[in-house]
PDB file of all heavy atoms in Angstrom:
ATOM      1  N   GLY A   1      71.909-130.092 135.659  1.00  0.00           N
ATOM      2  CA  GLY A   1      71.146-131.138 134.984  1.00  0.00           C
ATOM      3  C   GLY A   1      69.768-130.668 134.599  1.00  0.00           C
ATOM      4  O   GLY A   1      69.552-129.489 134.307  1.00  0.00           O
ATOM      5  N   SER A   2      68.820-131.588 134.607  1.00  0.00           N
ATOM      6  CA  SER A   2      67.454-131.267 134.218  1.00  0.00           C
ATOM      7  C   SER A   2      66.478-132.017 135.113  1.00  0.00           C
ATOM      8  O   SER A   2      66.796-133.068 135.670  1.00  0.00           O
ATOM      9  CB  SER A   2      67.208-131.644 132.754  1.00  0.00           C
ATOM     10  OG  SER A   2      67.414-133.044 132.567  1.00  0.00           O
ATOM     11  N   GLY A   3      65.281-131.468 135.241  1.00  0.00           N
ATOM     12  CA  GLY A   3      64.259-132.111 136.061  1.00  0.00           C
ATOM     13  C   GLY A   3      63.151-131.135 136.392  1.00  0.00           C
ATOM     14  O   GLY A   3      63.298-129.913 136.248  1.00  0.00           O
ATOM     15  N   SER A   4      62.026-131.662 136.820  1.00  0.00           N
ATOM     16  CA  SER A   4      60.878-130.840 137.184  1.00  0.00           C
ATOM     17  C   SER A   4      60.404-131.238 138.577  1.00  0.00           C
ATOM     18  O   SER A   4      60.682-132.335 139.058  1.00  0.00           O
ATOM     19  CB  SER A   4      59.745-131.007 136.170  1.00  0.00           C
ATOM     20  OG  SER A   4      59.339-132.373 136.112  1.00  0.00           O
ATOM     21  N   GLY A   5      59.668-130.313 139.206  1.00  0.00           N
ATOM     22  CA  GLY A   5      59.159-130.590 140.543  1.00  0.00           C
ATOM     23  C   GLY A   5      60.267-130.889 141.533  1.00  0.00           C
ATOM     24  O   GLY A   5      60.145-131.772 142.382  1.00  0.00           O
ATOM     25  N   ALA A   6      61.388-130.148 141.428  1.00  0.00           N
ATOM     26  CA  ALA A   6      62.560-130.445 142.245  1.00  0.00           C
ATOM     27  C   ALA A   6      62.413-129.884 143.652  1.00  0.00           C
ATOM     28  O   ALA A   6      61.780-128.848 143.876  1.00  0.00           O
ATOM     29  CB  ALA A   6      63.817-129.881 141.594  1.00  0.00           C
ATOM     30  N   ALA A   7      62.999-130.588 144.605  1.00  0.00           N
ATOM     31  CA  ALA A   7      62.988-130.157 145.997  1.00  0.00           C
ATOM     32  C   ALA A   7      64.265-130.627 146.667  1.00  0.00           C
ATOM     33  O   ALA A   7      64.847-131.652 146.298  1.00  0.00           O
ATOM     34  CB  ALA A   7      61.780-130.710 146.729  1.00  0.00           C
ATOM     35  N   LEU A   8      64.703-129.859 147.660  1.00  0.00           N
ATOM     36  CA  LEU A   8      65.881-130.199 148.448  1.00  0.00           C
ATOM     37  C   LEU A   8      65.444-130.629 149.840  1.00  0.00           C
ATOM     38  O   LEU A   8      64.646-129.954 150.488  1.00  0.00           O
ATOM     39  CB  LEU A   8      66.820-128.999 148.540  1.00  0.00           C
ATOM     40  CG  LEU A   8      67.583-128.646 147.264  1.00  0.00           C
ATOM     41  CD1 LEU A   8      68.165-127.243 147.362  1.00  0.00           C
ATOM     42  CD2 LEU A   8      68.687-129.663 147.004  1.00  0.00           C
ATOM     43  N   HIS A   9      65.979-131.761 150.282  1.00  0.00           N
ATOM     44  CA  HIS A   9      65.695-132.279 151.615  1.00  0.00           C
ATOM     45  C   HIS A   9      66.990-132.228 152.420  1.00  0.00           C
ATOM     46  O   HIS A   9      67.991-132.841 152.027  1.00  0.00           O
ATOM     47  CB  HIS A   9      65.183-133.719 151.536  1.00  0.00           C
ATOM     48  CG  HIS A   9      63.888-133.859 150.800  1.00  0.00           C
ATOM     49  ND1 HIS A   9      62.722-134.259 151.406  1.00  0.00           N
ATOM     50  CD2 HIS A   9      63.569-133.645 149.494  1.00  0.00           C
ATOM     51  CE1 HIS A   9      61.741-134.304 150.527  1.00  0.00           C
ATOM     52  NE2 HIS A   9      62.239-133.925 149.349  1.00  0.00           N
ATOM     53  N   PHE A  10      66.968-131.512 153.539  1.00  0.00           N
ATOM     54  CA  PHE A  10      68.139-131.405 154.406  1.00  0.00           C
ATOM     55  C   PHE A  10      67.883-132.150 155.704  1.00  0.00           C
ATOM     56  O   PHE A  10      66.820-132.007 156.323  1.00  0.00           O
ATOM     57  CB  PHE A  10      68.448-129.938 154.725  1.00  0.00           C
ATOM     58  CG  PHE A  10      68.867-129.119 153.534  1.00  0.00           C
ATOM     59  CD1 PHE A  10      67.953-128.327 152.864  1.00  0.00           C
ATOM     60  CD2 PHE A  10      70.185-129.139 153.097  1.00  0.00           C
ATOM     61  CE1 PHE A  10      68.335-127.566 151.772  1.00  0.00           C
ATOM     62  CE2 PHE A  10      70.579-128.383 152.000  1.00  0.00           C
ATOM     63  CZ  PHE A  10      69.653-127.590 151.342  1.00  0.00           C
ATOM     64  N   ILE A  11      68.881-132.938 156.140  1.00  0.00           N
ATOM     65  CA  ILE A  11      68.813-133.639 157.423  1.00  0.00           C
ATOM     66  C   ILE A  11      70.138-133.415 158.131  1.00  0.00           C
ATOM     67  O   ILE A  11      71.208-133.643 157.544  1.00  0.00           O
ATOM     68  CB  ILE A  11      68.567-135.149 157.248  1.00  0.00           C
ATOM     69  CG1 ILE A  11      67.338-135.404 156.388  1.00  0.00           C
ATOM     70  CG2 ILE A  11      68.404-135.824 158.604  1.00  0.00           C
ATOM     71  CD1 ILE A  11      67.130-136.870 156.038  1.00  0.00           C
ATOM     72  N   LEU A  12      70.075-132.960 159.382  1.00  0.00           N
ATOM     73  CA  LEU A  12      71.276-132.699 160.162  1.00  0.00           C
ATOM     74  C   LEU A  12      71.357-133.696 161.317  1.00  0.00           C
ATOM     75  O   LEU A  12      70.384-133.873 162.064  1.00  0.00           O
ATOM     76  CB  LEU A  12      71.256-131.264 160.709  1.00  0.00           C
ATOM     77  CG  LEU A  12      72.580-130.729 161.262  1.00  0.00           C
ATOM     78  CD1 LEU A  12      73.580-130.519 160.142  1.00  0.00           C
ATOM     79  CD2 LEU A  12      72.358-129.422 162.018  1.00  0.00           C
ATOM     80  N   HIS A  13      72.507-134.364 161.430  1.00  0.00           N
ATOM     81  CA  HIS A  13      72.738-135.333 162.501  1.00  0.00           C
ATOM     82  C   HIS A  13      73.870-134.855 163.395  1.00  0.00           C
ATOM     83  O   HIS A  13      74.810-134.184 162.934  1.00  0.00           O
ATOM     84  CB  HIS A  13      73.110-136.707 161.937  1.00  0.00           C
ATOM     85  CG  HIS A  13      71.993-137.390 161.220  1.00  0.00           C
ATOM     86  ND1 HIS A  13      71.780-137.246 159.858  1.00  0.00           N
ATOM     87  CD2 HIS A  13      71.015-138.226 161.663  1.00  0.00           C
ATOM     88  CE1 HIS A  13      70.735-137.965 159.491  1.00  0.00           C
ATOM     89  NE2 HIS A  13      70.251-138.568 160.567  1.00  0.00           N
ATOM     90  N   ASP A  14      73.794-135.216 164.693  1.00  0.00           N
ATOM     91  CA  ASP A  14      74.896-134.906 165.593  1.00  0.00           C
ATOM     92  C   ASP A  14      75.962-135.992 165.499  1.00  0.00           C
ATOM     93  O   ASP A  14      75.850-136.936 164.701  1.00  0.00           O
ATOM     94  CB  ASP A  14      74.393-134.718 167.025  1.00  0.00           C
ATOM     95  CG  ASP A  14      73.732-135.974 167.607  1.00  0.00           C
ATOM     96  OD1 ASP A  14      73.961-137.078 167.065  1.00  0.00           O
ATOM     97  OD2 ASP A  14      72.992-135.835 168.599  1.00  0.00           O
ATOM     98  N   SER A  15      77.000-135.886 166.329  1.00  0.00           N
ATOM     99  CA  SER A  15      78.127-136.816 166.245  1.00  0.00           C
ATOM    100  C   SER A  15      77.749-138.237 166.650  1.00  0.00           C
ATOM    101  O   SER A  15      78.464-139.189 166.320  1.00  0.00           O
ATOM    102  CB  SER A  15      79.278-136.322 167.129  1.00  0.00           C
ATOM    103  OG  SER A  15      78.851-136.178 168.476  1.00  0.00           O
ATOM    104  N   GLN A  16      76.623-138.408 167.348  1.00  0.00           N
ATOM    105  CA  GLN A  16      76.145-139.739 167.716  1.00  0.00           C
ATOM    106  C   GLN A  16      75.210-140.343 166.675  1.00  0.00           C
ATOM    107  O   GLN A  16      74.720-141.455 166.835  1.00  0.00           O
ATOM    108  CB  GLN A  16      75.433-139.700 169.081  1.00  0.00           C
ATOM    109  CG  GLN A  16      76.374-139.599 170.276  1.00  0.00           C
ATOM    110  CD  GLN A  16      76.964-138.213 170.423  1.00  0.00           C
ATOM    111  OE1 GLN A  16      76.252-137.219 170.322  1.00  0.00           O
ATOM    112  NE2 GLN A  16      78.272-138.148 170.644  1.00  0.00           N
ATOM    113  N   GLY A  17      74.928-139.566 165.614  1.00  0.00           N
ATOM    114  CA  GLY A  17      74.055-140.054 164.560  1.00  0.00           C
ATOM    115  C   GLY A  17      72.587-139.768 164.775  1.00  0.00           C
ATOM    116  O   GLY A  17      71.745-140.229 163.993  1.00  0.00           O
ATOM    117  N   SER A  18      72.260-138.999 165.806  1.00  0.00           N
ATOM    118  CA  SER A  18      70.855-138.653 166.068  1.00  0.00           C
ATOM    119  C   SER A  18      70.441-137.451 165.228  1.00  0.00           C
ATOM    120  O   SER A  18      71.204-136.482 165.086  1.00  0.00           O
ATOM    121  CB  SER A  18      70.645-138.335 167.551  1.00  0.00           C
ATOM    122  OG  SER A  18      70.971-139.448 168.358  1.00  0.00           O
ATOM    123  N   GLU A  19      69.239-137.516 164.673  1.00  0.00           N
ATOM    124  CA  GLU A  19      68.727-136.411 163.856  1.00  0.00           C
ATOM    125  C   GLU A  19      68.366-135.234 164.745  1.00  0.00           C
ATOM    126  O   GLU A  19      67.649-135.377 165.729  1.00  0.00           O
ATOM    127  CB  GLU A  19      67.511-136.877 163.064  1.00  0.00           C
ATOM    128  CG  GLU A  19      66.946-135.821 162.135  1.00  0.00           C
ATOM    129  CD  GLU A  19      65.735-136.303 161.355  1.00  0.00           C
ATOM    130  OE1 GLU A  19      65.790-137.447 160.832  1.00  0.00           O
ATOM    131  OE2 GLU A  19      64.733-135.563 161.293  1.00  0.00           O
ATOM    132  N   VAL A  20      68.868-134.038 164.389  1.00  0.00           N
ATOM    133  CA  VAL A  20      68.593-132.849 165.193  1.00  0.00           C
ATOM    134  C   VAL A  20      67.706-131.848 164.460  1.00  0.00           C
ATOM    135  O   VAL A  20      67.066-131.009 165.096  1.00  0.00           O
ATOM    136  CB  VAL A  20      69.897-132.169 165.651  1.00  0.00           C
ATOM    137  CG1 VAL A  20      70.658-133.084 166.600  1.00  0.00           C
ATOM    138  CG2 VAL A  20      70.784-131.799 164.465  1.00  0.00           C
ATOM    139  N   LEU A  21      67.660-131.913 163.142  1.00  0.00           N
ATOM    140  CA  LEU A  21      66.703-131.083 162.400  1.00  0.00           C
ATOM    141  C   LEU A  21      66.526-131.625 160.996  1.00  0.00           C
ATOM    142  O   LEU A  21      67.369-132.343 160.459  1.00  0.00           O
ATOM    143  CB  LEU A  21      67.120-129.602 162.376  1.00  0.00           C
ATOM    144  CG  LEU A  21      68.358-129.130 161.614  1.00  0.00           C
ATOM    145  CD1 LEU A  21      68.082-128.940 160.126  1.00  0.00           C
ATOM    146  CD2 LEU A  21      68.845-127.820 162.206  1.00  0.00           C
ATOM    147  N   ARG A  22      65.406-131.245 160.400  1.00  0.00           N
ATOM    148  CA  ARG A  22      65.055-131.647 159.044  1.00  0.00           C
ATOM    149  C   ARG A  22      64.343-130.477 158.367  1.00  0.00           C
ATOM    150  O   ARG A  22      63.542-129.777 158.994  1.00  0.00           O
ATOM    151  CB  ARG A  22      64.155-132.884 159.096  1.00  0.00           C
ATOM    152  CG  ARG A  22      63.703-133.434 157.739  1.00  0.00           C
ATOM    153  CD  ARG A  22      62.757-134.614 157.939  1.00  0.00           C
ATOM    154  NE  ARG A  22      63.450-135.777 158.486  1.00  0.00           N
ATOM    155  CZ  ARG A  22      63.856-136.795 157.763  1.00  0.00           C
ATOM    156  NH1 ARG A  22      63.632-136.808 156.449  1.00  0.00           N
ATOM    157  NH2 ARG A  22      64.477-137.809 158.325  1.00  0.00           N
ATOM    158  N   HIS A  23      64.641-130.274 157.096  1.00  0.00           N
ATOM    159  CA  HIS A  23      64.034-129.154 156.376  1.00  0.00           C
ATOM    160  C   HIS A  23      63.900-129.518 154.904  1.00  0.00           C
ATOM    161  O   HIS A  23      64.758-130.187 154.326  1.00  0.00           O
ATOM    162  CB  HIS A  23      64.904-127.897 156.523  1.00  0.00           C
ATOM    163  CG  HIS A  23      64.318-126.668 155.905  1.00  0.00           C
ATOM    164  ND1 HIS A  23      63.036-126.237 156.151  1.00  0.00           N
ATOM    165  CD2 HIS A  23      64.864-125.755 155.032  1.00  0.00           C
ATOM    166  CE1 HIS A  23      62.800-125.127 155.469  1.00  0.00           C
ATOM    167  NE2 HIS A  23      63.889-124.825 154.784  1.00  0.00           N
ATOM    168  N   GLU A  24      62.783-129.081 154.306  1.00  0.00           N
ATOM    169  CA  GLU A  24      62.535-129.335 152.889  1.00  0.00           C
ATOM    170  C   GLU A  24      62.123-128.031 152.221  1.00  0.00           C
ATOM    171  O   GLU A  24      61.356-127.235 152.776  1.00  0.00           O
ATOM    172  CB  GLU A  24      61.433-130.377 152.725  1.00  0.00           C
ATOM    173  CG  GLU A  24      61.085-130.702 151.273  1.00  0.00           C
ATOM    174  CD  GLU A  24      59.971-131.729 151.150  1.00  0.00           C
ATOM    175  OE1 GLU A  24      59.711-132.442 152.136  1.00  0.00           O
ATOM    176  OE2 GLU A  24      59.358-131.796 150.060  1.00  0.00           O
ATOM    177  N   VAL A  25      62.641-127.809 151.003  1.00  0.00           N
ATOM    178  CA  VAL A  25      62.350-126.574 150.288  1.00  0.00           C
ATOM    179  C   VAL A  25      62.375-126.853 148.785  1.00  0.00           C
ATOM    180  O   VAL A  25      63.199-127.628 148.307  1.00  0.00           O
ATOM    181  CB  VAL A  25      63.381-125.480 150.670  1.00  0.00           C
ATOM    182  CG1 VAL A  25      64.791-125.893 150.273  1.00  0.00           C
ATOM    183  CG2 VAL A  25      63.030-124.143 150.053  1.00  0.00           C
ATOM    184  N   PRO A  26      61.466-126.260 147.994  1.00  0.00           N
ATOM    185  CA  PRO A  26      61.525-126.427 146.533  1.00  0.00           C
ATOM    186  C   PRO A  26      62.732-125.700 145.959  1.00  0.00           C
ATOM    187  O   PRO A  26      63.257-124.760 146.566  1.00  0.00           O
ATOM    188  CB  PRO A  26      60.212-125.801 146.060  1.00  0.00           C
ATOM    189  CG  PRO A  26      59.817-124.851 147.143  1.00  0.00           C
ATOM    190  CD  PRO A  26      60.313-125.442 148.421  1.00  0.00           C
ATOM    191  N   CYS A  27      63.182-126.125 144.779  1.00  0.00           N
ATOM    192  CA  CYS A  27      64.334-125.464 144.158  1.00  0.00           C
ATOM    193  C   CYS A  27      64.188-125.491 142.648  1.00  0.00           C
ATOM    194  O   CYS A  27      63.400-126.269 142.088  1.00  0.00           O
ATOM    195  CB  CYS A  27      65.636-126.132 144.581  1.00  0.00           C
ATOM    196  SG  CYS A  27      65.919-127.754 143.836  1.00  0.00           S
ATOM    197  N   ASN A  28      64.951-124.635 141.989  1.00  0.00           N
ATOM    198  CA  ASN A  28      65.008-124.581 140.532  1.00  0.00           C
ATOM    199  C   ASN A  28      66.339-125.180 140.081  1.00  0.00           C
ATOM    200  O   ASN A  28      67.413-124.705 140.471  1.00  0.00           O
ATOM    201  CB  ASN A  28      64.889-123.136 140.043  1.00  0.00           C
ATOM    202  CG  ASN A  28      63.556-122.510 140.380  1.00  0.00           C
ATOM    203  OD1 ASN A  28      62.517-123.148 140.254  1.00  0.00           O
ATOM    204  ND2 ASN A  28      63.568-121.258 140.822  1.00  0.00           N
ATOM    205  N   ILE A  29      66.277-126.229 139.280  1.00  0.00           N
ATOM    206  CA  ILE A  29      67.489-126.893 138.806  1.00  0.00           C
ATOM    207  C   ILE A  29      68.325-125.924 137.971  1.00  0.00           C
ATOM    208  O   ILE A  29      67.798-125.204 137.124  1.00  0.00           O
ATOM    209  CB  ILE A  29      67.146-128.144 137.976  1.00  0.00           C
ATOM    210  CG1 ILE A  29      66.351-129.129 138.822  1.00  0.00           C
ATOM    211  CG2 ILE A  29      68.407-128.805 137.446  1.00  0.00           C
ATOM    212  CD1 ILE A  29      67.077-129.644 140.025  1.00  0.00           C
ATOM    213  N   GLY A  30      69.614-125.902 138.213  1.00  0.00           N
ATOM    214  CA  GLY A  30      70.519-125.038 137.477  1.00  0.00           C
ATOM    215  C   GLY A  30      70.815-123.724 138.162  1.00  0.00           C
ATOM    216  O   GLY A  30      71.596-122.926 137.650  1.00  0.00           O
ATOM    217  N   GLU A  31      70.221-123.498 139.327  1.00  0.00           N
ATOM    218  CA  GLU A  31      70.452-122.261 140.055  1.00  0.00           C
ATOM    219  C   GLU A  31      71.150-122.543 141.381  1.00  0.00           C
ATOM    220  O   GLU A  31      71.150-123.667 141.875  1.00  0.00           O
ATOM    221  CB  GLU A  31      69.120-121.534 140.309  1.00  0.00           C
ATOM    222  CG  GLU A  31      68.410-121.082 139.041  1.00  0.00           C
ATOM    223  CD  GLU A  31      67.121-120.338 139.350  1.00  0.00           C
ATOM    224  OE1 GLU A  31      66.805-120.161 140.545  1.00  0.00           O
ATOM    225  OE2 GLU A  31      66.443-119.928 138.392  1.00  0.00           O
ATOM    226  N   GLN A  32      71.726-121.496 141.963  1.00  0.00           N
ATOM    227  CA  GLN A  32      72.308-121.598 143.291  1.00  0.00           C
ATOM    228  C   GLN A  32      71.323-121.049 144.313  1.00  0.00           C
ATOM    229  O   GLN A  32      70.738-119.993 144.109  1.00  0.00           O
ATOM    230  CB  GLN A  32      73.630-120.833 143.387  1.00  0.00           C
ATOM    231  CG  GLN A  32      74.257-120.880 144.783  1.00  0.00           C
ATOM    232  CD  GLN A  32      75.642-120.289 144.837  1.00  0.00           C
ATOM    233  OE1 GLN A  32      76.582-120.842 144.279  1.00  0.00           O
ATOM    234  NE2 GLN A  32      75.780-119.162 145.510  1.00  0.00           N
ATOM    235  N   ALA A  33      71.139-121.774 145.398  1.00  0.00           N
ATOM    236  CA  ALA A  33      70.200-121.358 146.437  1.00  0.00           C
ATOM    237  C   ALA A  33      70.939-121.190 147.758  1.00  0.00           C
ATOM    238  O   ALA A  33      71.929-121.885 148.027  1.00  0.00           O
ATOM    239  CB  ALA A  33      69.087-122.387 146.594  1.00  0.00           C
ATOM    240  N   GLU A  34      70.460-120.274 148.561  1.00  0.00           N
ATOM    241  CA  GLU A  34      70.985-120.066 149.917  1.00  0.00           C
ATOM    242  C   GLU A  34      69.827-120.274 150.887  1.00  0.00           C
ATOM    243  O   GLU A  34      68.840-119.541 150.853  1.00  0.00           O
ATOM    244  CB  GLU A  34      71.574-118.669 150.054  1.00  0.00           C
ATOM    245  CG  GLU A  34      72.236-118.424 151.400  1.00  0.00           C
ATOM    246  CD  GLU A  34      72.961-117.091 151.451  1.00  0.00           C
ATOM    247  OE1 GLU A  34      74.148-117.054 151.047  1.00  0.00           O
ATOM    248  OE2 GLU A  34      72.341-116.102 151.886  1.00  0.00           O
ATOM    249  N   ILE A  35      69.952-121.286 151.744  1.00  0.00           N
ATOM    250  CA  ILE A  35      68.818-121.738 152.544  1.00  0.00           C
ATOM    251  C   ILE A  35      69.201-121.762 154.015  1.00  0.00           C
ATOM    252  O   ILE A  35      70.188-122.398 154.402  1.00  0.00           O
ATOM    253  CB  ILE A  35      68.375-123.145 152.095  1.00  0.00           C
ATOM    254  CG1 ILE A  35      67.969-123.108 150.610  1.00  0.00           C
ATOM    255  CG2 ILE A  35      67.249-123.676 152.962  1.00  0.00           C
ATOM    256  CD1 ILE A  35      68.056-124.439 149.931  1.00  0.00           C
ATOM    257  N   GLU A  36      68.410-121.067 154.841  1.00  0.00           N
ATOM    258  CA  GLU A  36      68.615-121.129 156.288  1.00  0.00           C
ATOM    259  C   GLU A  36      67.977-122.394 156.837  1.00  0.00           C
ATOM    260  O   GLU A  36      66.860-122.752 156.462  1.00  0.00           O
ATOM    261  CB  GLU A  36      68.010-119.903 156.969  1.00  0.00           C
ATOM    262  CG  GLU A  36      68.187-119.911 158.480  1.00  0.00           C
ATOM    263  CD  GLU A  36      67.632-118.669 159.163  1.00  0.00           C
ATOM    264  OE1 GLU A  36      67.574-117.606 158.500  1.00  0.00           O
ATOM    265  OE2 GLU A  36      67.260-118.764 160.348  1.00  0.00           O
ATOM    266  N   LEU A  37      68.698-123.074 157.720  1.00  0.00           N
ATOM    267  CA  LEU A  37      68.183-124.293 158.340  1.00  0.00           C
ATOM    268  C   LEU A  37      67.432-123.915 159.603  1.00  0.00           C
ATOM    269  O   LEU A  37      68.046-123.497 160.605  1.00  0.00           O
ATOM    270  CB  LEU A  37      69.329-125.250 158.658  1.00  0.00           C
ATOM    271  CG  LEU A  37      70.193-125.670 157.461  1.00  0.00           C
ATOM    272  CD1 LEU A  37      71.293-126.616 157.911  1.00  0.00           C
ATOM    273  CD2 LEU A  37      69.348-126.317 156.375  1.00  0.00           C
ATOM    274  N   PRO A  38      66.099-124.011 159.607  1.00  0.00           N
ATOM    275  CA  PRO A  38      65.298-123.612 160.770  1.00  0.00           C
ATOM    276  C   PRO A  38      65.690-124.403 162.012  1.00  0.00           C
ATOM    277  O   PRO A  38      65.900-125.612 161.954  1.00  0.00           O
ATOM    278  CB  PRO A  38      63.867-123.948 160.341  1.00  0.00           C
ATOM    279  CG  PRO A  38      63.898-123.988 158.853  1.00  0.00           C
ATOM    280  CD  PRO A  38      65.259-124.507 158.504  1.00  0.00           C
ATOM    281  N   GLY A  39      65.818-123.687 163.135  1.00  0.00           N
ATOM    282  CA  GLY A  39      66.190-124.335 164.388  1.00  0.00           C
ATOM    283  C   GLY A  39      67.677-124.433 164.619  1.00  0.00           C
ATOM    284  O   GLY A  39      68.113-124.866 165.697  1.00  0.00           O
ATOM    285  N   SER A  40      68.495-124.009 163.644  1.00  0.00           N
ATOM    286  CA  SER A  40      69.944-124.154 163.789  1.00  0.00           C
ATOM    287  C   SER A  40      70.543-123.162 164.786  1.00  0.00           C
ATOM    288  O   SER A  40      71.646-123.395 165.306  1.00  0.00           O
ATOM    289  CB  SER A  40      70.630-124.002 162.430  1.00  0.00           C
ATOM    290  OG  SER A  40      70.322-122.738 161.840  1.00  0.00           O
ATOM    291  N   LYS A  41      69.822-122.071 165.089  1.00  0.00           N
ATOM    292  CA  LYS A  41      70.351-121.095 166.044  1.00  0.00           C
ATOM    293  C   LYS A  41      70.500-121.686 167.441  1.00  0.00           C
ATOM    294  O   LYS A  41      71.308-121.206 168.238  1.00  0.00           O
ATOM    295  CB  LYS A  41      69.438-119.864 166.103  1.00  0.00           C
ATOM    296  CG  LYS A  41      69.398-119.045 164.834  1.00  0.00           C
ATOM    297  CD  LYS A  41      68.449-117.863 164.991  1.00  0.00           C
ATOM    298  CE  LYS A  41      68.322-117.076 163.696  1.00  0.00           C
ATOM    299  NZ  LYS A  41      67.366-115.938 163.841  1.00  0.00           N
ATOM    300  N   GLY A  42      69.711-122.709 167.731  1.00  0.00           N
ATOM    301  CA  GLY A  42      69.762-123.313 169.067  1.00  0.00           C
ATOM    302  C   GLY A  42      70.769-124.430 169.203  1.00  0.00           C
ATOM    303  O   GLY A  42      70.912-125.005 170.299  1.00  0.00           O
TER     304      GLY A  42
END
C-alpha cells in the first residue's frame, strides 16, 4: 500500500492473555522486514 511515517507495533501475550513483551520499530511500506523481539530469549 502507501503511507508515510509508518511504524510497526508488536505485542506478545501468553496463553492467559497477559502481555509479556512489547516492541515498536519504524518501517518502510512495501518492503519486507525481519525484526528481533527484544526479551524473547527469556
